[in-house]
Amino acid sequence: MPATDISVANALQSRRSIRKFTDRAVDPVVLKTIFAAAQRAPSGGNLQPWQATVLTGEPWQAVKAAVAARLAMGREGYQPEYDIYPKELTDPWEARRFGVGEGLYAALGIPREDKAGRLAQFVENYRGFGAPVMLFLHCSRIMGPPQWSDMGMWLQSVMLLLVEAGLASCPQECWAMYGKTVRETLALGDGQILFTGLAIGYADEGAAVNQWPVPRVGLDEVIDWQGF
């Protein structure tokens, strides 16, 4: 991993979900160093419930081809592992979700009435936005919400370490919509549940889709200070 002076705060500030990657290959030695460092992520009872399958080349192409066949089936092809969003999502969360979607399409110059254009961009999710590496994060089905939280801490650690190494990523829970197909293609077995994908590579810095501002709410909306 290249030595840098980047701080954790700067890594958090500069990290974003990249939606267009270059085809530049990723050094597996760098990835191994990152994953080894991420093993210091905390987990309740030190269970370390996370398990990951990391793909490039033909294995990655095989997953994309298998999921593309399910996509062609429309809604009949869905195989959701879990509800990515609550079924009865209300404001302020629904407004945030809607806003970030509109911001994305505005950056791409795709108006709401351009259904074909929006669909084409949606399909890019299942190509990993051109990333040369895909990580699939999964765990045993016996694990519960606390262990899923542990997986999130491991994933965040990986993403920040990728920034430090000059790499980019995009966490993609959308793969869980076709969880069975992904698991079968990876030979994971029914004892595992797919949590998310993580596209990894080098960002196409000039792409508009990687430059638009993604807002965050203020502290007053998420922090209740007591006793200070």
Protein backbone atom coordinates (compact mmCIF):
# COMPACT_ATOMS: atom_id res chain seq x y z
CA MET A 1 0.00 0.00 0.00
CA PRO A 2 1.51 3.39 -0.91
CA ALA A 3 2.43 5.53 2.06
CA THR A 4 0.30 8.66 2.35
CA ASP A 5 -0.27 11.43 4.86
CA ILE A 6 -4.06 11.20 4.59
CA SER A 7 -5.90 11.42 7.89
CA VAL A 8 -8.98 9.45 8.84
CA ALA A 9 -10.98 12.69 8.69
CA ASN A 10 -9.72 13.44 5.18
CA ALA A 11 -10.45 9.90 4.04
CA LEU A 12 -14.02 10.23 5.31
CA GLN A 13 -14.40 13.59 3.59
CA SER A 14 -13.02 12.43 0.24
CA ARG A 15 -14.64 8.99 0.09
CA ARG A 16 -17.68 8.79 -2.15
CA SER A 17 -19.58 6.08 -4.00
CA ILE A 18 -17.95 5.97 -7.42
CA ARG A 19 -20.24 5.18 -10.33
CA LYS A 20 -17.74 5.10 -13.16
CA PHE A 21 -14.38 3.34 -12.92
CA THR A 22 -11.45 3.08 -15.30
CA ASP A 23 -10.31 -0.34 -16.51
CA ARG A 24 -6.96 -0.03 -14.72
CA ALA A 25 -6.12 -3.27 -12.94
CA VAL A 26 -5.86 -3.37 -9.14
CA ASP A 27 -2.77 -4.86 -7.53
CA PRO A 28 -3.87 -7.88 -5.44
CA VAL A 29 -0.99 -7.25 -3.02
CA VAL A 30 -2.51 -3.87 -2.18
CA LEU A 31 -5.90 -5.49 -1.62
CA LYS A 32 -4.42 -8.14 0.67
CA THR A 33 -2.73 -5.40 2.72
CA ILE A 34 -6.01 -3.52 3.01
CA PHE A 35 -8.00 -6.58 4.07
CA ALA A 36 -5.36 -7.51 6.62
CA ALA A 37 -5.57 -4.04 8.15
CA ALA A 38 -9.39 -4.12 8.12
CA GLN A 39 -9.29 -7.24 10.30
CA ARG A 40 -8.77 -4.82 13.21
CA ALA A 41 -12.41 -3.69 12.79
CA PRO A 42 -14.39 -4.28 16.01
CA SER A 43 -17.02 -6.97 16.41
CA GLY A 44 -19.18 -8.02 19.33
CA GLY A 45 -17.56 -10.91 21.18
CA ASN A 46 -14.78 -10.82 18.58
CA LEU A 47 -16.97 -12.99 16.31
CA GLN A 48 -15.61 -11.35 13.16
CA PRO A 49 -18.70 -12.56 11.26
CA TRP A 50 -17.76 -11.03 7.91
CA GLN A 51 -16.79 -13.22 5.01
CA ALA A 52 -15.91 -11.88 1.59
CA THR A 53 -15.45 -13.24 -1.90
CA VAL A 54 -13.29 -11.02 -4.10
CA LEU A 55 -13.51 -11.37 -7.86
CA THR A 56 -11.82 -10.15 -10.99
CA GLY A 57 -11.49 -11.45 -14.54
CA GLU A 58 -13.57 -14.47 -15.59
CA PRO A 59 -15.21 -15.16 -12.19
CA TRP A 60 -16.43 -11.54 -12.08
CA GLN A 61 -17.69 -11.78 -15.65
CA ALA A 62 -19.58 -14.97 -14.74
CA VAL A 63 -21.49 -13.22 -11.95
CA LYS A 64 -22.38 -10.30 -14.21
CA ALA A 65 -23.64 -12.69 -16.92
CA ALA A 66 -25.71 -14.73 -14.45
CA VAL A 67 -27.36 -11.66 -12.95
CA ALA A 68 -27.96 -10.13 -16.40
CA ALA A 69 -30.08 -13.18 -17.23
CA ARG A 70 -32.20 -12.54 -14.10
CA LEU A 71 -32.48 -8.84 -14.96
CA ALA A 72 -33.93 -9.77 -18.35
CA MET A 73 -36.79 -11.53 -16.53
CA GLY A 74 -38.05 -8.28 -15.03
CA ARG A 75 -39.68 -8.48 -11.61
CA GLU A 76 -40.03 -12.24 -11.95
CA GLY A 77 -36.26 -12.45 -11.72
CA TYR A 78 -36.03 -10.84 -8.27
CA GLN A 79 -34.50 -12.97 -5.50
CA PRO A 80 -34.22 -10.52 -2.57
CA GLU A 81 -32.12 -11.64 0.38
CA TYR A 82 -33.71 -8.97 2.60
CA ASP A 83 -35.55 -5.63 2.38
CA ILE A 84 -32.91 -3.10 1.42
CA TYR A 85 -35.19 -0.28 2.56
CA PRO A 86 -38.13 -0.43 4.98
CA LYS A 87 -41.39 -1.10 3.15
CA GLU A 88 -43.08 1.85 4.85
CA LEU A 89 -40.23 4.35 4.51
CA THR A 90 -41.37 7.84 5.52
CA ASP A 91 -39.81 11.30 5.68
CA PRO A 92 -37.20 12.48 6.38
CA TRP A 93 -35.61 9.26 5.10
CA GLU A 94 -37.73 8.92 1.97
CA ALA A 95 -36.97 12.54 1.04
CA ARG A 96 -33.23 11.88 1.41
CA ARG A 97 -33.45 8.78 -0.75
CA PHE A 98 -35.46 10.58 -3.44
CA GLY A 99 -33.13 13.57 -3.36
CA VAL A 100 -29.95 11.60 -3.89
CA GLY A 101 -31.52 9.73 -6.81
CA GLU A 102 -32.59 12.95 -8.49
CA GLY A 103 -29.16 14.45 -7.91
CA LEU A 104 -27.55 11.47 -9.61
CA TYR A 105 -29.72 11.66 -12.71
CA ALA A 106 -29.36 15.45 -12.89
CA ALA A 107 -25.56 15.07 -12.91
CA LEU A 108 -25.91 12.64 -15.81
CA GLY A 109 -28.34 14.91 -17.65
CA ILE A 110 -31.07 12.25 -17.67
CA PRO A 111 -34.52 13.83 -17.16
CA ARG A 112 -37.33 12.03 -15.36
CA GLU A 113 -39.22 11.40 -18.60
CA ASP A 114 -36.23 9.58 -20.14
CA LYS A 115 -37.20 6.16 -18.84
CA ALA A 116 -34.81 4.33 -21.15
CA GLY A 117 -31.88 6.47 -20.06
CA ARG A 118 -32.66 5.92 -16.40
CA LEU A 119 -33.00 2.20 -16.92
CA ALA A 120 -29.66 2.06 -18.73
CA GLN A 121 -28.00 3.81 -15.80
CA PHE A 122 -29.72 1.44 -13.35
CA VAL A 123 -28.34 -1.56 -15.24
CA GLU A 124 -24.82 -0.16 -14.76
CA ASN A 125 -25.21 -1.15 -11.10
CA TYR A 126 -25.02 -4.77 -12.17
CA ARG A 127 -21.86 -4.17 -14.15
CA GLY A 128 -20.18 -2.71 -11.10
CA PHE A 129 -19.96 0.62 -12.95
CA GLY A 130 -17.01 -0.82 -14.85
CA ALA A 131 -14.97 -1.70 -11.75
CA PRO A 132 -12.32 -4.39 -12.39
CA VAL A 133 -12.80 -5.89 -8.91
CA MET A 134 -15.96 -6.84 -7.05
CA LEU A 135 -16.11 -7.84 -3.40
CA PHE A 136 -19.19 -9.70 -2.20
CA LEU A 137 -19.71 -9.48 1.55
CA HIS A 138 -21.69 -12.28 3.17
CA CYS A 139 -22.09 -14.11 6.46
CA SER A 140 -23.65 -17.18 8.02
CA ARG A 141 -27.44 -17.10 8.17
CA ILE A 142 -27.29 -17.72 11.92
CA MET A 143 -25.99 -14.16 12.39
CA GLY A 144 -28.37 -11.42 13.53
CA PRO A 145 -28.57 -7.60 13.41
CA PRO A 146 -25.60 -7.04 15.78
CA GLN A 147 -23.35 -9.08 13.48
CA TRP A 148 -24.63 -7.20 10.43
CA SER A 149 -23.53 -4.04 12.24
CA ASP A 150 -20.10 -5.66 12.63
CA MET A 151 -20.00 -6.30 8.87
CA GLY A 152 -20.73 -2.62 8.30
CA MET A 153 -17.79 -1.59 10.47
CA TRP A 154 -15.49 -3.94 8.54
CA LEU A 155 -16.80 -2.58 5.23
CA GLN A 156 -16.29 1.05 6.28
CA SER A 157 -12.74 0.17 7.35
CA VAL A 158 -12.06 -1.33 3.92
CA MET A 159 -13.48 1.69 2.10
CA LEU A 160 -11.36 4.16 4.08
CA LEU A 161 -8.24 2.06 3.57
CA LEU A 162 -8.99 2.01 -0.16
CA VAL A 163 -9.02 5.83 -0.14
CA GLU A 164 -5.66 5.82 1.62
CA ALA A 165 -4.29 3.56 -1.11
CA GLY A 166 -5.56 5.83 -3.90
CA LEU A 167 -8.39 3.47 -4.82
CA ALA A 168 -12.13 4.04 -5.01
CA SER A 169 -15.21 1.98 -4.25
CA CYS A 170 -18.98 1.82 -4.35
CA PRO A 171 -20.97 -0.23 -1.84
CA GLN A 172 -23.84 -1.93 -3.69
CA GLU A 173 -26.62 -3.57 -1.72
CA CYS A 174 -28.48 -3.89 -5.03
CA TRP A 175 -26.78 -7.26 -5.60
CA ALA A 176 -28.86 -8.66 -2.75
CA MET A 177 -31.88 -8.33 -5.08
CA TYR A 178 -30.45 -11.34 -6.91
CA GLY A 179 -28.86 -12.99 -3.91
CA LYS A 180 -29.61 -16.58 -4.83
CA THR A 181 -28.03 -16.26 -8.26
CA VAL A 182 -24.94 -14.55 -6.85
CA ARG A 183 -24.55 -17.19 -4.14
CA GLU A 184 -25.00 -20.06 -6.58
CA THR A 185 -22.50 -18.60 -9.03
CA LEU A 186 -19.99 -18.18 -6.19
CA ALA A 187 -20.81 -21.65 -4.78
CA LEU A 188 -21.49 -20.12 -1.36
CA GLY A 189 -24.31 -22.47 -0.38
CA ASP A 190 -27.63 -21.72 1.30
CA GLY A 191 -25.95 -21.39 4.69
CA GLN A 192 -24.65 -17.96 3.67
CA ILE A 193 -26.64 -14.77 3.13
CA LEU A 194 -25.42 -12.06 0.78
CA PHE A 195 -25.19 -8.62 2.38
CA THR A 196 -23.68 -6.38 -0.29
CA GLY A 197 -21.28 -5.93 -3.13
CA LEU A 198 -18.38 -3.47 -3.13
CA ALA A 199 -17.09 -2.31 -6.50
CA ILE A 200 -13.35 -1.56 -6.30
CA GLY A 201 -11.03 0.15 -8.74
CA TYR A 202 -9.72 3.51 -9.88
CA ALA A 203 -12.22 6.33 -10.28
CA ASP A 204 -12.81 7.98 -13.62
CA GLU A 205 -12.13 11.42 -12.18
CA GLY A 206 -13.50 13.26 -15.19
CA ALA A 207 -16.92 11.60 -15.16
CA ALA A 208 -19.76 13.90 -14.12
CA VAL A 209 -21.38 11.07 -12.19
CA ASN A 210 -18.39 11.11 -9.85
CA GLN A 211 -18.42 14.86 -9.22
CA TRP A 212 -21.88 15.96 -8.11
CA PRO A 213 -22.26 16.97 -4.44
CA VAL A 214 -23.93 14.40 -2.18
CA PRO A 215 -25.44 16.22 0.80
CA ARG A 216 -25.32 15.17 4.44
CA VAL A 217 -27.72 16.39 7.11
CA GLY A 218 -26.53 18.62 9.92
CA LEU A 219 -25.64 17.41 13.40
CA ASP A 220 -28.83 18.90 14.81
CA GLU A 221 -30.82 16.29 12.87
CA VAL A 222 -28.92 13.27 14.19
CA ILE A 223 -27.31 14.22 17.54
CA ASP A 224 -29.17 14.89 20.79
CA TRP A 225 -26.72 16.39 23.25
CA GLN A 226 -27.48 15.77 26.91
CA GLY A 227 -25.49 16.83 29.95
CA PHE A 228 -22.94 18.93 28.04
